[in-house]
Structures are given as C-alpha cells and as structure tokens.
Amino acid sequence: MQEEIVNKPEEIQENSTIEKPGTTEISQQAAKHPFFVFTINTVLGLLLMVGLVILYVIVLTKKESQVQLPAALQNSKGKALSVVYLNLDSLNLKYELIRNLRKDLESTVNRLQSELKKDEESLQKDGADFQQKVQANAISEDKAKQIYEILMKRQQALLEKKDRYTQMMTQQQIAMNQKLTDTLTCFLKRFNRSYRFDYIMGYKSEGEILVANDTLDITRTILDAINKEYLERKK
C-alpha cells in the first residue's frame, strides 16, 4: 500500500512531461521557419517599393534640371516654326516702287553730274584762255592776278559744289532705302496676318544665307500683291 503511494509521485512526474497532441509538431514547424518569411508577395512588394523610390528621384531630378525655354518656343506650344523667304534680288528688279524711285534718283544724279560737268568745262576753258594770254603777254600783271584769283575761287566753289551734291545724293539714297524698308515691312506685316509665318527672311545672291529651299520662296506671291497695292494707290 505504501509502495503504491510512493510510486504515485513518480507517475505524476512522468505524466507532467506529457504534451498535448499536436504541440510537438507545431513547435517543430516553428523551429524550422525564421521570424520573417520571404514569400513571392514579399519580393514583389519590395520591388514595387524600390521602383517607386527610383521614379520619385527621377522626377525630382528632372524638375531641378529643367531648362527654361525661350518665349518664342513656349508660345509655339510644340508647333514647328514656319519660315519663308523673299528673294531681294528679284524684288529690286521687279518691284514697281523700287524701279520708279531708282529712275528718280538716276535722273537727279544725271542732272547734277551734267551741271558739274558744265561748270568744270567752263572753268577749264577759262583757265586755258588765261594761260594763253599770260604766255602771250596780252594782259598786264595786275589783270593777270585778278583773273587768277577769280579762277581759284571758281575752282574752290566747284569743289564745294561737288561735295554738296555728293552729300545730297547720299542722303537721297538713304531716304530711298528707308522708304523701301518701311514700305516693305508694313506690307509684310499686313500680308502675314493671313498666313502667320514665324519668320519672313530676306535672301540675296551675295547674302549670309548660302543655300535656300525653293519651296519656301514666296517672292512671286509677294511681288504680285505688293505691285498691285502700289499701282492702286498710285492711281
């Protein structure tokens, strides 16, 4: 009887180490797996996070390094610039206003040159006569001095006249060019209200533009329109 009582505590101690069913399997599984498990969803989530970080850095870098565009390109809203040109050589030959102004200038130049030529020929003739008289002793010394002084004054006056006429022609040439520039510019501004080209450039054979695409040449259209306007105003 006593032996049975003595043996009971040992049985109880043995029974105290008994685990619940299934607890051993669970503990073994927990021992096999780490604290953080890398599944396919975890990898995808990390890749997505890295991609967002990279995209954020790229966007910030682009904003900081963005170059300020010129106003002309900003206003174009991505539209390509439209450029045409006008052949100035053809304009000088066929624009009626230029032809008439050139005729007036040439007429004035010819008139002034003719006047200077007459004065010069008259002075040369009188100078030649004076020399003959002096050589022939046909006039006195005092008379010769008087004639000589008159001839020198006429020569000086002729030189001053040449300078004055040269300045006159230069100013008339400048005025003519300014009138042509103003007239052409005003016309092209009115003309461009319908077409809205970004640039209308001037092209000439000895200019800075070495090669020009013929498809951009609007000279014929400009000449027809500007000559028509000029002739109508002249009436």
C-alpha atoms as a PDB file:
ATOM      1  CA  MET A   1       0.000   0.000   0.000  1.00  0.00           C
ATOM      2  CA  GLN A   2       2.744   2.357   0.898  1.00  0.00           C
ATOM      3  CA  GLU A   3       4.684   1.350  -2.213  1.00  0.00           C
ATOM      4  CA  GLU A   4       1.765   2.376  -4.368  1.00  0.00           C
ATOM      5  CA  ILE A   5       1.650   5.736  -2.585  1.00  0.00           C
ATOM      6  CA  VAL A   6       5.366   6.232  -3.046  1.00  0.00           C
ATOM      7  CA  ASN A   7       5.168   5.365  -6.689  1.00  0.00           C
ATOM      8  CA  LYS A   8       2.364   7.804  -7.492  1.00  0.00           C
ATOM      9  CA  PRO A   9       4.519  10.929  -7.343  1.00  0.00           C
ATOM     10  CA  GLU A  10       6.856   9.336  -9.873  1.00  0.00           C
ATOM     11  CA  GLU A  11       3.901   8.625 -12.120  1.00  0.00           C
ATOM     12  CA  ILE A  12       2.752  12.182 -11.737  1.00  0.00           C
ATOM     13  CA  GLN A  13       6.217  13.457 -12.612  1.00  0.00           C
ATOM     14  CA  GLU A  14       6.303  11.274 -15.696  1.00  0.00           C
ATOM     15  CA  ASN A  15       2.867  12.448 -16.681  1.00  0.00           C
ATOM     16  CA  SER A  16       3.918  16.107 -16.236  1.00  0.00           C
ATOM     17  CA  THR A  17       6.197  15.834 -19.260  1.00  0.00           C
ATOM     18  CA  ILE A  18       3.391  14.698 -21.490  1.00  0.00           C
ATOM     19  CA  GLU A  19       2.479  17.343 -24.134  1.00  0.00           C
ATOM     20  CA  LYS A  20      -0.818  17.940 -25.736  1.00  0.00           C
ATOM     21  CA  PRO A  21      -1.419  16.254 -29.008  1.00  0.00           C
ATOM     22  CA  GLY A  22      -0.117  18.285 -31.945  1.00  0.00           C
ATOM     23  CA  THR A  23       2.005  20.656 -29.854  1.00  0.00           C
ATOM     24  CA  THR A  24       5.193  18.826 -30.735  1.00  0.00           C
ATOM     25  CA  GLU A  25       4.516  19.116 -34.455  1.00  0.00           C
ATOM     26  CA  ILE A  26       3.728  22.837 -34.155  1.00  0.00           C
ATOM     27  CA  SER A  27       6.858  23.575 -32.199  1.00  0.00           C
ATOM     28  CA  GLN A  28       8.941  21.688 -34.714  1.00  0.00           C
ATOM     29  CA  GLN A  29       7.441  23.716 -37.561  1.00  0.00           C
ATOM     30  CA  ALA A  30       8.070  26.970 -35.682  1.00  0.00           C
ATOM     31  CA  ALA A  31      11.668  25.948 -35.186  1.00  0.00           C
ATOM     32  CA  LYS A  32      12.060  25.269 -38.891  1.00  0.00           C
ATOM     33  CA  HIS A  33      10.723  28.708 -40.096  1.00  0.00           C
ATOM     34  CA  PRO A  34      12.541  32.037 -39.397  1.00  0.00           C
ATOM     35  CA  PHE A  35      10.882  35.105 -37.912  1.00  0.00           C
ATOM     36  CA  PHE A  36      10.420  36.886 -41.373  1.00  0.00           C
ATOM     37  CA  VAL A  37       9.394  34.666 -44.267  1.00  0.00           C
ATOM     38  CA  PHE A  38      10.283  35.775 -47.904  1.00  0.00           C
ATOM     39  CA  THR A  39       7.317  34.767 -49.989  1.00  0.00           C
ATOM     40  CA  ILE A  40       6.647  35.789 -53.640  1.00  0.00           C
ATOM     41  CA  ASN A  41       4.310  38.564 -52.459  1.00  0.00           C
ATOM     42  CA  THR A  42       7.035  39.946 -50.221  1.00  0.00           C
ATOM     43  CA  VAL A  43       9.541  40.073 -53.114  1.00  0.00           C
ATOM     44  CA  LEU A  44       7.036  41.814 -55.400  1.00  0.00           C
ATOM     45  CA  GLY A  45       6.235  44.313 -52.703  1.00  0.00           C
ATOM     46  CA  LEU A  46       9.901  45.169 -52.210  1.00  0.00           C
ATOM     47  CA  LEU A  47      10.452  45.565 -55.964  1.00  0.00           C
ATOM     48  CA  LEU A  48       7.448  47.873 -56.208  1.00  0.00           C
ATOM     49  CA  MET A  49       8.740  49.961 -53.326  1.00  0.00           C
ATOM     50  CA  VAL A  50      12.210  50.265 -54.899  1.00  0.00           C
ATOM     51  CA  GLY A  51      10.657  51.233 -58.236  1.00  0.00           C
ATOM     52  CA  LEU A  52       8.585  53.987 -56.629  1.00  0.00           C
ATOM     53  CA  VAL A  53      11.655  55.386 -54.884  1.00  0.00           C
ATOM     54  CA  ILE A  54      13.642  55.445 -58.152  1.00  0.00           C
ATOM     55  CA  LEU A  55      10.743  57.076 -60.021  1.00  0.00           C
ATOM     56  CA  TYR A  56      10.407  59.714 -57.318  1.00  0.00           C
ATOM     57  CA  VAL A  57      14.123  60.532 -57.513  1.00  0.00           C
ATOM     58  CA  ILE A  58      13.974  60.795 -61.340  1.00  0.00           C
ATOM     59  CA  VAL A  59      11.000  63.158 -61.235  1.00  0.00           C
ATOM     60  CA  LEU A  60      12.668  65.414 -58.705  1.00  0.00           C
ATOM     61  CA  THR A  61      15.902  65.462 -60.737  1.00  0.00           C
ATOM     62  CA  LYS A  62      14.043  66.414 -63.913  1.00  0.00           C
ATOM     63  CA  LYS A  63      12.267  69.272 -62.178  1.00  0.00           C
ATOM     64  CA  GLU A  64      15.501  70.650 -60.818  1.00  0.00           C
ATOM     65  CA  SER A  65      17.435  70.353 -64.110  1.00  0.00           C
ATOM     66  CA  GLN A  66      14.629  71.602 -66.388  1.00  0.00           C
ATOM     67  CA  VAL A  67      15.860  74.326 -68.798  1.00  0.00           C
ATOM     68  CA  GLN A  68      13.774  77.446 -69.275  1.00  0.00           C
ATOM     69  CA  LEU A  69      12.699  77.584 -72.930  1.00  0.00           C
ATOM     70  CA  PRO A  70      12.700  80.854 -74.904  1.00  0.00           C
ATOM     71  CA  ALA A  71       9.382  82.674 -75.048  1.00  0.00           C
ATOM     72  CA  ALA A  72       9.027  82.057 -78.777  1.00  0.00           C
ATOM     73  CA  LEU A  73       9.205  78.283 -78.324  1.00  0.00           C
ATOM     74  CA  GLN A  74       6.917  78.381 -75.315  1.00  0.00           C
ATOM     75  CA  ASN A  75       4.303  80.284 -77.279  1.00  0.00           C
ATOM     76  CA  SER A  76       4.540  77.865 -80.204  1.00  0.00           C
ATOM     77  CA  LYS A  77       3.019  75.119 -77.995  1.00  0.00           C
ATOM     78  CA  GLY A  78       5.059  72.427 -79.696  1.00  0.00           C
ATOM     79  CA  LYS A  79       4.229  73.677 -83.202  1.00  0.00           C
ATOM     80  CA  ALA A  80       7.148  73.686 -85.639  1.00  0.00           C
ATOM     81  CA  LEU A  81       8.423  77.115 -86.667  1.00  0.00           C
ATOM     82  CA  SER A  82       7.256  78.215 -90.126  1.00  0.00           C
ATOM     83  CA  VAL A  83       9.900  80.061 -92.140  1.00  0.00           C
ATOM     84  CA  VAL A  84       9.699  81.503 -95.660  1.00  0.00           C
ATOM     85  CA  TYR A  85      11.949  83.843 -97.587  1.00  0.00           C
ATOM     86  CA  LEU A  86      11.795  86.670-100.092  1.00  0.00           C
ATOM     87  CA  ASN A  87      14.349  86.976-102.897  1.00  0.00           C
ATOM     88  CA  LEU A  88      15.627  90.547-102.589  1.00  0.00           C
ATOM     89  CA  ASP A  89      17.386  90.456-105.952  1.00  0.00           C
ATOM     90  CA  SER A  90      14.092  89.802-107.708  1.00  0.00           C
ATOM     91  CA  LEU A  91      12.372  92.391-105.561  1.00  0.00           C
ATOM     92  CA  ASN A  92      14.883  95.083-106.581  1.00  0.00           C
ATOM     93  CA  LEU A  93      14.319  94.300-110.253  1.00  0.00           C
ATOM     94  CA  LYS A  94      10.548  93.852-110.329  1.00  0.00           C
ATOM     95  CA  TYR A  95       9.034  95.930-107.517  1.00  0.00           C
ATOM     96  CA  GLU A  96       7.467  98.951-109.231  1.00  0.00           C
ATOM     97  CA  LEU A  97       8.141 101.310-106.329  1.00  0.00           C
ATOM     98  CA  ILE A  98      11.851 100.492-106.383  1.00  0.00           C
ATOM     99  CA  ARG A  99      12.014 100.920-110.145  1.00  0.00           C
ATOM    100  CA  ASN A 100      10.335 104.327-110.002  1.00  0.00           C
ATOM    101  CA  LEU A 101      12.452 105.537-107.083  1.00  0.00           C
ATOM    102  CA  ARG A 102      15.574 104.358-108.865  1.00  0.00           C
ATOM    103  CA  LYS A 103      14.552 106.250-112.005  1.00  0.00           C
ATOM    104  CA  ASP A 104      14.016 109.417-109.973  1.00  0.00           C
ATOM    105  CA  LEU A 105      17.381 109.014-108.291  1.00  0.00           C
ATOM    106  CA  GLU A 106      19.185 108.356-111.546  1.00  0.00           C
ATOM    107  CA  SER A 107      17.516 111.388-113.107  1.00  0.00           C
ATOM    108  CA  THR A 108      18.657 113.607-110.244  1.00  0.00           C
ATOM    109  CA  VAL A 109      22.183 112.203-110.374  1.00  0.00           C
ATOM    110  CA  ASN A 110      22.399 112.769-114.127  1.00  0.00           C
ATOM    111  CA  ARG A 111      21.152 116.347-113.765  1.00  0.00           C
ATOM    112  CA  LEU A 112      23.656 117.198-111.054  1.00  0.00           C
ATOM    113  CA  GLN A 113      26.517 115.496-112.869  1.00  0.00           C
ATOM    114  CA  SER A 114      25.644 117.395-116.040  1.00  0.00           C
ATOM    115  CA  GLU A 115      25.651 120.662-114.118  1.00  0.00           C
ATOM    116  CA  LEU A 116      29.019 119.903-112.538  1.00  0.00           C
ATOM    117  CA  LYS A 117      30.435 118.853-115.872  1.00  0.00           C
ATOM    118  CA  LYS A 118      29.405 122.175-117.477  1.00  0.00           C
ATOM    119  CA  ASP A 119      30.946 124.153-114.628  1.00  0.00           C
ATOM    120  CA  GLU A 120      34.132 122.122-114.856  1.00  0.00           C
ATOM    121  CA  GLU A 121      34.378 122.500-118.650  1.00  0.00           C
ATOM    122  CA  SER A 122      33.765 126.258-118.369  1.00  0.00           C
ATOM    123  CA  LEU A 123      36.474 126.564-115.730  1.00  0.00           C
ATOM    124  CA  GLN A 124      38.945 124.567-117.819  1.00  0.00           C
ATOM    125  CA  LYS A 125      38.215 126.704-120.899  1.00  0.00           C
ATOM    126  CA  ASP A 126      38.674 129.972-118.990  1.00  0.00           C
ATOM    127  CA  GLY A 127      41.834 128.597-117.414  1.00  0.00           C
ATOM    128  CA  ALA A 128      43.252 127.672-120.802  1.00  0.00           C
ATOM    129  CA  ASP A 129      42.443 131.154-122.176  1.00  0.00           C
ATOM    130  CA  PHE A 130      44.115 132.760-119.179  1.00  0.00           C
ATOM    131  CA  GLN A 131      47.300 130.776-119.717  1.00  0.00           C
ATOM    132  CA  GLN A 132      47.432 131.727-123.385  1.00  0.00           C
ATOM    133  CA  LYS A 133      47.047 135.429-122.554  1.00  0.00           C
ATOM    134  CA  VAL A 134      49.725 135.237-119.874  1.00  0.00           C
ATOM    135  CA  GLN A 135      52.130 133.463-122.219  1.00  0.00           C
ATOM    136  CA  ALA A 136      51.400 135.974-124.976  1.00  0.00           C
ATOM    137  CA  ASN A 137      51.786 138.917-122.563  1.00  0.00           C
ATOM    138  CA  ALA A 138      48.346 140.036-123.707  1.00  0.00           C
ATOM    139  CA  ILE A 139      47.337 141.228-120.227  1.00  0.00           C
ATOM    140  CA  SER A 140      49.035 143.174-117.518  1.00  0.00           C
ATOM    141  CA  GLU A 141      50.406 141.654-114.355  1.00  0.00           C
ATOM    142  CA  ASP A 142      47.686 143.191-112.184  1.00  0.00           C
ATOM    143  CA  LYS A 143      44.988 141.952-114.545  1.00  0.00           C
ATOM    144  CA  ALA A 144      46.540 138.513-114.546  1.00  0.00           C
ATOM    145  CA  LYS A 145      46.456 138.432-110.727  1.00  0.00           C
ATOM    146  CA  GLN A 146      42.778 139.410-110.711  1.00  0.00           C
ATOM    147  CA  ILE A 147      41.853 136.726-113.263  1.00  0.00           C
ATOM    148  CA  TYR A 148      43.923 134.124-111.400  1.00  0.00           C
ATOM    149  CA  GLU A 149      42.152 134.866-108.098  1.00  0.00           C
ATOM    150  CA  ILE A 150      38.769 134.611-109.822  1.00  0.00           C
ATOM    151  CA  LEU A 151      39.708 131.262-111.361  1.00  0.00           C
ATOM    152  CA  MET A 152      40.882 129.929-107.965  1.00  0.00           C
ATOM    153  CA  LYS A 153      37.609 130.983-106.337  1.00  0.00           C
ATOM    154  CA  ARG A 154      35.629 129.291-109.100  1.00  0.00           C
ATOM    155  CA  GLN A 155      37.684 126.124-108.654  1.00  0.00           C
ATOM    156  CA  GLN A 156      37.086 126.166-104.890  1.00  0.00           C
ATOM    157  CA  ALA A 157      33.373 126.770-105.444  1.00  0.00           C
ATOM    158  CA  LEU A 158      33.263 123.845-107.878  1.00  0.00           C
ATOM    159  CA  LEU A 159      34.904 121.513-105.339  1.00  0.00           C
ATOM    160  CA  GLU A 160      32.442 122.579-102.641  1.00  0.00           C
ATOM    161  CA  LYS A 161      29.570 122.071-105.075  1.00  0.00           C
ATOM    162  CA  LYS A 162      30.756 118.530-105.815  1.00  0.00           C
ATOM    163  CA  ASP A 163      30.904 117.739-102.101  1.00  0.00           C
ATOM    164  CA  ARG A 164      27.464 119.252-101.558  1.00  0.00           C
ATOM    165  CA  TYR A 165      25.932 117.282-104.423  1.00  0.00           C
ATOM    166  CA  THR A 166      27.626 114.082-103.248  1.00  0.00           C
ATOM    167  CA  GLN A 167      26.117 114.513 -99.786  1.00  0.00           C
ATOM    168  CA  MET A 168      22.771 115.296-101.380  1.00  0.00           C
ATOM    169  CA  MET A 169      22.859 112.083-103.394  1.00  0.00           C
ATOM    170  CA  THR A 170      23.924 110.058-100.370  1.00  0.00           C
ATOM    171  CA  GLN A 171      21.059 111.431 -98.291  1.00  0.00           C
ATOM    172  CA  GLN A 172      18.601 110.797-101.102  1.00  0.00           C
ATOM    173  CA  GLN A 173      19.869 107.234-101.398  1.00  0.00           C
ATOM    174  CA  ILE A 174      19.467 106.697 -97.643  1.00  0.00           C
ATOM    175  CA  ALA A 175      15.969 108.193 -97.724  1.00  0.00           C
ATOM    176  CA  MET A 176      15.020 105.942-100.635  1.00  0.00           C
ATOM    177  CA  ASN A 177      16.297 102.816 -98.848  1.00  0.00           C
ATOM    178  CA  GLN A 178      14.471 103.810 -95.661  1.00  0.00           C
ATOM    179  CA  LYS A 179      11.241 104.352 -97.579  1.00  0.00           C
ATOM    180  CA  LEU A 180      11.583 100.970 -99.254  1.00  0.00           C
ATOM    181  CA  THR A 181      12.300  99.250 -95.941  1.00  0.00           C
ATOM    182  CA  ASP A 182       9.336 100.875 -94.203  1.00  0.00           C
ATOM    183  CA  THR A 183       7.001 100.178 -97.113  1.00  0.00           C
ATOM    184  CA  LEU A 184       8.062  96.557 -97.421  1.00  0.00           C
ATOM    185  CA  THR A 185       7.937  95.933 -93.671  1.00  0.00           C
ATOM    186  CA  CYS A 186       4.449  97.407 -93.331  1.00  0.00           C
ATOM    187  CA  PHE A 187       3.230  95.405 -96.294  1.00  0.00           C
ATOM    188  CA  LEU A 188       4.680  92.132 -94.993  1.00  0.00           C
ATOM    189  CA  LYS A 189       3.059  92.684 -91.595  1.00  0.00           C
ATOM    190  CA  ARG A 190      -0.329  93.101 -93.265  1.00  0.00           C
ATOM    191  CA  PHE A 191       0.381  90.168 -95.544  1.00  0.00           C
ATOM    192  CA  ASN A 192       1.363  87.921 -92.622  1.00  0.00           C
ATOM    193  CA  ARG A 193      -1.901  88.494 -90.768  1.00  0.00           C
ATOM    194  CA  SER A 194      -3.433  85.850 -93.009  1.00  0.00           C
ATOM    195  CA  TYR A 195      -0.539  83.379 -93.107  1.00  0.00           C
ATOM    196  CA  ARG A 196       1.059  83.887 -89.677  1.00  0.00           C
ATOM    197  CA  PHE A 197       4.583  82.830 -90.612  1.00  0.00           C
ATOM    198  CA  ASP A 198       7.064  82.889 -87.751  1.00  0.00           C
ATOM    199  CA  TYR A 199       9.791  84.357 -89.968  1.00  0.00           C
ATOM    200  CA  ILE A 200       9.864  86.023 -93.383  1.00  0.00           C
ATOM    201  CA  MET A 201      13.539  86.235 -94.256  1.00  0.00           C
ATOM    202  CA  GLY A 202      15.349  88.163 -96.982  1.00  0.00           C
ATOM    203  CA  TYR A 203      17.557  86.188 -99.369  1.00  0.00           C
ATOM    204  CA  LYS A 204      20.036  87.580-101.902  1.00  0.00           C
ATOM    205  CA  SER A 205      22.768  86.042-104.005  1.00  0.00           C
ATOM    206  CA  GLU A 206      25.648  87.563-102.021  1.00  0.00           C
ATOM    207  CA  GLY A 207      23.978  87.434 -98.610  1.00  0.00           C
ATOM    208  CA  GLU A 208      24.670  85.413 -95.478  1.00  0.00           C
ATOM    209  CA  ILE A 209      22.246  82.617 -96.427  1.00  0.00           C
ATOM    210  CA  LEU A 210      24.184  80.361 -98.796  1.00  0.00           C
ATOM    211  CA  VAL A 211      21.505  77.781 -99.654  1.00  0.00           C
ATOM    212  CA  ALA A 212      17.720  78.189 -99.611  1.00  0.00           C
ATOM    213  CA  ASN A 213      14.936  75.685-100.270  1.00  0.00           C
ATOM    214  CA  ASP A 214      12.888  76.809-103.285  1.00  0.00           C
ATOM    215  CA  THR A 215       9.690  75.508-101.712  1.00  0.00           C
ATOM    216  CA  LEU A 216       9.976  78.271 -99.082  1.00  0.00           C
ATOM    217  CA  ASP A 217      10.279  81.038-101.701  1.00  0.00           C
ATOM    218  CA  ILE A 218       7.232  83.369-101.652  1.00  0.00           C
ATOM    219  CA  THR A 219       8.769  86.072-103.866  1.00  0.00           C
ATOM    220  CA  ARG A 220       6.284  85.687-106.712  1.00  0.00           C
ATOM    221  CA  THR A 221       3.307  85.956-104.372  1.00  0.00           C
ATOM    222  CA  ILE A 222       4.756  88.999-102.615  1.00  0.00           C
ATOM    223  CA  LEU A 223       5.609  90.758-105.891  1.00  0.00           C
ATOM    224  CA  ASP A 224       2.132  90.266-107.316  1.00  0.00           C
ATOM    225  CA  ALA A 225       0.457  91.530-104.164  1.00  0.00           C
ATOM    226  CA  ILE A 226       2.769  94.465-103.408  1.00  0.00           C
ATOM    227  CA  ASN A 227       2.812  95.715-107.021  1.00  0.00           C
ATOM    228  CA  LYS A 228      -0.969  95.532-107.169  1.00  0.00           C
ATOM    229  CA  GLU A 229      -1.247  97.563-103.981  1.00  0.00           C
ATOM    230  CA  TYR A 230       1.292 100.141-105.197  1.00  0.00           C
ATOM    231  CA  LEU A 231      -0.382 100.645-108.588  1.00  0.00           C
ATOM    232  CA  GLU A 232      -3.802 101.011-106.976  1.00  0.00           C
ATOM    233  CA  ARG A 233      -2.512 103.689-104.606  1.00  0.00           C
ATOM    234  CA  LYS A 234      -0.760 105.489-107.421  1.00  0.00           C
ATOM    235  CA  LYS A 235      -3.993 105.976-109.375  1.00  0.00           C
END
